[in-house]
Amino acid sequence: MTRGDKACRAIRAATRESEVIAAVRDYIDALDSSDAARLPAEILVMGLTPAEELIQSALQSVETLLKAEKGAKGAKGGALRELTRVLTAAARRLADLSAS
């Protein structure tokens, strides 16, 4: 099971927004330095922005970076694709939590 799988599992099991954000932060904190260095700065500074807005903003930043790297030779998007999966799971879970 990958770190991304574990993060998605924790996100789906979350019962509060704070648990979703904590799972995303734990995932990002566990990235190796080379993967973390490639992340948009907005993701590394998860502050006091409301949770849903924060996750949506982070997801948009990563998707923009993935598109930019898509054309680059030898670009390694594996970590970014996994982060996209984690952030998507977080966005869905936050939407579910706000609806209930």
N, C-alpha and C. Protein backbone atom coordinates (compact mmCIF):
# COMPACT_ATOMS: atom_id res chain seq x y z
N MET A 1 0.85 -1.17 0.00
CA MET A 1 0.00 0.00 0.00
C MET A 1 0.90 1.24 0.00
N THR A 2 0.64 2.14 -0.92
CA THR A 2 1.45 3.36 -1.03
C THR A 2 1.03 4.38 0.01
N ARG A 3 1.86 5.40 0.17
CA ARG A 3 1.51 6.50 1.08
C ARG A 3 0.23 7.17 0.61
N GLY A 4 0.08 7.28 -0.70
CA GLY A 4 -1.14 7.88 -1.24
C GLY A 4 -2.37 7.06 -0.91
N ASP A 5 -2.25 5.73 -1.00
CA ASP A 5 -3.36 4.85 -0.64
C ASP A 5 -3.73 5.03 0.83
N LYS A 6 -2.72 5.09 1.69
CA LYS A 6 -2.97 5.27 3.12
C LYS A 6 -3.64 6.61 3.39
N ALA A 7 -3.17 7.65 2.70
CA ALA A 7 -3.76 8.98 2.89
C ALA A 7 -5.22 8.98 2.44
N CYS A 8 -5.49 8.38 1.29
CA CYS A 8 -6.87 8.33 0.78
C CYS A 8 -7.76 7.55 1.74
N ARG A 9 -7.25 6.48 2.30
CA ARG A 9 -8.03 5.69 3.26
C ARG A 9 -8.35 6.52 4.50
N ALA A 10 -7.36 7.25 5.01
CA ALA A 10 -7.57 8.10 6.19
C ALA A 10 -8.57 9.22 5.87
N ILE A 11 -8.48 9.76 4.67
CA ILE A 11 -9.40 10.83 4.26
C ILE A 11 -10.82 10.30 4.19
N ARG A 12 -11.01 9.15 3.59
CA ARG A 12 -12.36 8.58 3.47
C ARG A 12 -12.94 8.22 4.83
N ALA A 13 -12.10 7.91 5.79
CA ALA A 13 -12.56 7.54 7.12
C ALA A 13 -12.80 8.76 8.02
N ALA A 14 -12.36 9.92 7.57
CA ALA A 14 -12.47 11.14 8.38
C ALA A 14 -13.92 11.50 8.67
N THR A 15 -14.15 11.98 9.88
CA THR A 15 -15.49 12.42 10.25
C THR A 15 -15.55 13.93 10.49
N ARG A 16 -14.39 14.60 10.41
CA ARG A 16 -14.33 16.05 10.58
C ARG A 16 -13.37 16.64 9.55
N GLU A 17 -13.60 17.90 9.21
CA GLU A 17 -12.72 18.60 8.27
C GLU A 17 -11.28 18.55 8.75
N SER A 18 -11.07 18.75 10.03
CA SER A 18 -9.71 18.78 10.57
C SER A 18 -8.97 17.46 10.33
N GLU A 19 -9.69 16.35 10.33
CA GLU A 19 -9.07 15.05 10.07
C GLU A 19 -8.67 14.92 8.60
N VAL A 20 -9.48 15.48 7.71
CA VAL A 20 -9.15 15.46 6.28
C VAL A 20 -7.88 16.27 6.05
N ILE A 21 -7.84 17.47 6.59
CA ILE A 21 -6.67 18.34 6.42
C ILE A 21 -5.44 17.70 7.06
N ALA A 22 -5.59 17.09 8.21
CA ALA A 22 -4.46 16.42 8.87
C ALA A 22 -3.91 15.29 8.01
N ALA A 23 -4.79 14.53 7.37
CA ALA A 23 -4.34 13.42 6.52
C ALA A 23 -3.57 13.95 5.31
N VAL A 24 -4.05 15.06 4.73
CA VAL A 24 -3.35 15.65 3.59
C VAL A 24 -2.00 16.20 4.04
N ARG A 25 -1.97 16.88 5.17
CA ARG A 25 -0.69 17.41 5.69
C ARG A 25 0.29 16.29 5.98
N ASP A 26 -0.18 15.21 6.61
CA ASP A 26 0.70 14.08 6.91
C ASP A 26 1.28 13.49 5.63
N TYR A 27 0.45 13.39 4.60
CA TYR A 27 0.92 12.87 3.32
C TYR A 27 2.01 13.77 2.74
N ILE A 28 1.75 15.08 2.72
CA ILE A 28 2.72 16.01 2.17
C ILE A 28 4.01 16.01 2.99
N ASP A 29 3.88 15.95 4.30
CA ASP A 29 5.06 15.91 5.17
C ASP A 29 5.91 14.67 4.94
N ALA A 30 5.29 13.58 4.49
CA ALA A 30 6.00 12.33 4.29
C ALA A 30 6.69 12.23 2.92
N LEU A 31 6.43 13.19 2.04
CA LEU A 31 7.07 13.17 0.72
C LEU A 31 8.58 13.31 0.87
N ASP A 32 9.34 12.65 -0.03
CA ASP A 32 10.78 12.86 0.03
C ASP A 32 11.10 14.26 -0.48
N SER A 33 12.26 14.73 -0.16
CA SER A 33 12.61 16.13 -0.42
C SER A 33 12.54 16.49 -1.91
N SER A 34 12.90 15.56 -2.79
CA SER A 34 12.86 15.89 -4.21
C SER A 34 11.42 16.06 -4.71
N ASP A 35 10.50 15.24 -4.21
CA ASP A 35 9.09 15.39 -4.58
C ASP A 35 8.50 16.66 -3.96
N ALA A 36 8.82 16.92 -2.72
CA ALA A 36 8.31 18.11 -2.04
C ALA A 36 8.81 19.38 -2.72
N ALA A 37 10.03 19.36 -3.22
CA ALA A 37 10.60 20.54 -3.87
C ALA A 37 9.86 20.89 -5.16
N ARG A 38 9.19 19.94 -5.77
CA ARG A 38 8.47 20.17 -7.02
C ARG A 38 7.06 20.71 -6.79
N LEU A 39 6.59 20.71 -5.56
CA LEU A 39 5.22 21.14 -5.28
C LEU A 39 5.08 22.65 -5.36
N PRO A 40 3.91 23.12 -5.79
CA PRO A 40 3.65 24.56 -5.75
C PRO A 40 3.71 25.06 -4.30
N ALA A 41 4.22 26.25 -4.11
CA ALA A 41 4.39 26.81 -2.76
C ALA A 41 3.08 26.86 -1.99
N GLU A 42 1.95 27.07 -2.70
CA GLU A 42 0.66 27.18 -2.03
C GLU A 42 0.33 25.93 -1.22
N ILE A 43 0.80 24.80 -1.69
CA ILE A 43 0.49 23.54 -1.03
C ILE A 43 1.28 23.39 0.27
N LEU A 44 2.47 23.91 0.28
CA LEU A 44 3.33 23.76 1.45
C LEU A 44 2.95 24.70 2.59
N VAL A 45 2.10 25.67 2.31
CA VAL A 45 1.71 26.66 3.31
C VAL A 45 0.22 26.56 3.57
N MET A 46 -0.22 25.43 4.06
CA MET A 46 -1.64 25.24 4.33
C MET A 46 -1.99 25.98 5.61
N GLY A 47 -2.58 27.14 5.46
CA GLY A 47 -2.84 28.00 6.60
C GLY A 47 -4.27 27.96 7.08
N LEU A 48 -4.83 29.13 7.26
CA LEU A 48 -6.14 29.25 7.88
C LEU A 48 -7.29 29.35 6.88
N THR A 49 -7.01 29.11 5.62
CA THR A 49 -8.05 29.14 4.60
C THR A 49 -9.06 28.04 4.90
N PRO A 50 -10.36 28.31 4.66
CA PRO A 50 -11.35 27.25 4.87
C PRO A 50 -10.95 25.97 4.11
N ALA A 51 -11.21 24.84 4.71
CA ALA A 51 -10.72 23.55 4.21
C ALA A 51 -11.07 23.28 2.75
N GLU A 52 -12.32 23.45 2.37
CA GLU A 52 -12.72 23.13 1.00
C GLU A 52 -12.00 24.04 0.01
N GLU A 53 -11.91 25.31 0.32
CA GLU A 53 -11.22 26.26 -0.56
C GLU A 53 -9.74 25.92 -0.66
N LEU A 54 -9.15 25.55 0.45
CA LEU A 54 -7.74 25.19 0.49
C LEU A 54 -7.45 23.99 -0.40
N ILE A 55 -8.24 22.94 -0.27
CA ILE A 55 -8.02 21.73 -1.05
C ILE A 55 -8.24 22.00 -2.54
N GLN A 56 -9.29 22.74 -2.88
CA GLN A 56 -9.56 23.06 -4.28
C GLN A 56 -8.40 23.87 -4.88
N SER A 57 -7.90 24.83 -4.14
CA SER A 57 -6.78 25.64 -4.60
C SER A 57 -5.53 24.79 -4.81
N ALA A 58 -5.26 23.92 -3.86
CA ALA A 58 -4.09 23.03 -3.97
C ALA A 58 -4.24 22.11 -5.18
N LEU A 59 -5.42 21.57 -5.37
CA LEU A 59 -5.67 20.67 -6.50
C LEU A 59 -5.46 21.40 -7.82
N GLN A 60 -5.95 22.61 -7.92
CA GLN A 60 -5.76 23.39 -9.15
C GLN A 60 -4.28 23.68 -9.40
N SER A 61 -3.53 23.98 -8.36
CA SER A 61 -2.09 24.25 -8.50
C SER A 61 -1.35 23.02 -9.01
N VAL A 62 -1.67 21.87 -8.46
CA VAL A 62 -0.99 20.63 -8.87
C VAL A 62 -1.38 20.28 -10.31
N GLU A 63 -2.65 20.43 -10.66
CA GLU A 63 -3.07 20.12 -12.02
C GLU A 63 -2.40 21.05 -13.03
N THR A 64 -2.23 22.31 -12.69
CA THR A 64 -1.54 23.26 -13.56
C THR A 64 -0.08 22.83 -13.74
N LEU A 65 0.56 22.45 -12.65
CA LEU A 65 1.95 22.00 -12.72
C LEU A 65 2.07 20.73 -13.56
N LEU A 66 1.15 19.80 -13.39
CA LEU A 66 1.17 18.57 -14.19
C LEU A 66 1.05 18.87 -15.67
N LYS A 67 0.16 19.78 -16.03
CA LYS A 67 -0.01 20.16 -17.43
C LYS A 67 1.27 20.78 -17.98
N ALA A 68 1.91 21.60 -17.18
CA ALA A 68 3.14 22.26 -17.61
C ALA A 68 4.26 21.24 -17.80
N GLU A 69 4.31 20.25 -16.94
CA GLU A 69 5.37 19.24 -17.02
C GLU A 69 5.08 18.18 -18.08
N LYS A 70 3.85 18.07 -18.49
CA LYS A 70 3.46 17.03 -19.45
C LYS A 70 4.30 17.10 -20.72
N GLY A 71 4.59 18.30 -21.18
CA GLY A 71 5.37 18.46 -22.39
C GLY A 71 6.87 18.41 -22.17
N ALA A 72 7.31 18.49 -20.93
CA ALA A 72 8.74 18.49 -20.64
C ALA A 72 9.31 17.08 -20.79
N LYS A 73 10.46 17.00 -21.43
CA LYS A 73 11.11 15.69 -21.61
C LYS A 73 11.58 15.16 -20.27
N GLY A 74 11.30 13.91 -20.04
CA GLY A 74 11.77 13.25 -18.83
C GLY A 74 11.07 13.69 -17.56
N ALA A 75 9.99 14.40 -17.67
CA ALA A 75 9.27 14.86 -16.48
C ALA A 75 8.71 13.65 -15.74
N LYS A 76 8.85 13.68 -14.43
CA LYS A 76 8.35 12.59 -13.60
C LYS A 76 7.14 13.10 -12.84
N GLY A 77 5.96 12.72 -13.30
CA GLY A 77 4.74 13.20 -12.67
C GLY A 77 4.13 12.23 -11.69
N GLY A 78 4.80 11.12 -11.38
CA GLY A 78 4.23 10.11 -10.50
C GLY A 78 3.80 10.65 -9.15
N ALA A 79 4.68 11.39 -8.51
CA ALA A 79 4.35 11.95 -7.19
C ALA A 79 3.23 12.98 -7.31
N LEU A 80 3.25 13.76 -8.37
CA LEU A 80 2.19 14.76 -8.56
C LEU A 80 0.86 14.10 -8.87
N ARG A 81 0.89 13.02 -9.65
CA ARG A 81 -0.37 12.30 -9.93
C ARG A 81 -0.93 11.70 -8.65
N GLU A 82 -0.06 11.16 -7.80
CA GLU A 82 -0.53 10.59 -6.54
C GLU A 82 -1.08 11.69 -5.64
N LEU A 83 -0.42 12.84 -5.60
CA LEU A 83 -0.91 13.96 -4.81
C LEU A 83 -2.27 14.42 -5.33
N THR A 84 -2.45 14.42 -6.65
CA THR A 84 -3.74 14.79 -7.23
C THR A 84 -4.81 13.83 -6.75
N ARG A 85 -4.50 12.55 -6.68
CA ARG A 85 -5.46 11.55 -6.19
C ARG A 85 -5.81 11.81 -4.73
N VAL A 86 -4.81 12.13 -3.91
CA VAL A 86 -5.04 12.41 -2.49
C VAL A 86 -5.91 13.67 -2.33
N LEU A 87 -5.57 14.72 -3.07
CA LEU A 87 -6.34 15.96 -2.96
C LEU A 87 -7.76 15.80 -3.48
N THR A 88 -7.94 15.00 -4.52
CA THR A 88 -9.28 14.73 -5.04
C THR A 88 -10.10 13.98 -4.00
N ALA A 89 -9.50 13.00 -3.35
CA ALA A 89 -10.20 12.27 -2.28
C ALA A 89 -10.58 13.23 -1.16
N ALA A 90 -9.68 14.16 -0.83
CA ALA A 90 -9.96 15.12 0.23
C ALA A 90 -11.11 16.05 -0.17
N ALA A 91 -11.11 16.52 -1.40
CA ALA A 91 -12.18 17.41 -1.86
C ALA A 91 -13.53 16.70 -1.81
N ARG A 92 -13.55 15.46 -2.24
CA ARG A 92 -14.80 14.69 -2.21
C ARG A 92 -15.28 14.46 -0.78
N ARG A 93 -14.36 14.14 0.10
CA ARG A 93 -14.74 13.87 1.49
C ARG A 93 -15.24 15.13 2.16
N LEU A 94 -14.59 16.25 1.91
CA LEU A 94 -15.04 17.51 2.50
C LEU A 94 -16.43 17.87 2.00
N ALA A 95 -16.69 17.61 0.73
CA ALA A 95 -18.03 17.86 0.17
C ALA A 95 -19.06 16.97 0.86
N ASP A 96 -18.70 15.70 1.06
CA ASP A 96 -19.62 14.79 1.76
C ASP A 96 -19.88 15.25 3.19
N LEU A 97 -18.83 15.66 3.89
CA LEU A 97 -18.97 16.10 5.28
C LEU A 97 -19.82 17.36 5.39
N SER A 98 -19.67 18.27 4.41
CA SER A 98 -20.46 19.49 4.49
C SER A 98 -21.92 19.26 4.14
N ALA A 99 -22.20 18.19 3.40
CA ALA A 99 -23.58 17.88 3.02
C ALA A 99 -24.33 17.15 4.13
N SER A 100 -23.59 16.56 5.04
CA SER A 100 -24.28 15.78 6.09
C SER A 100 -24.48 16.57 7.36
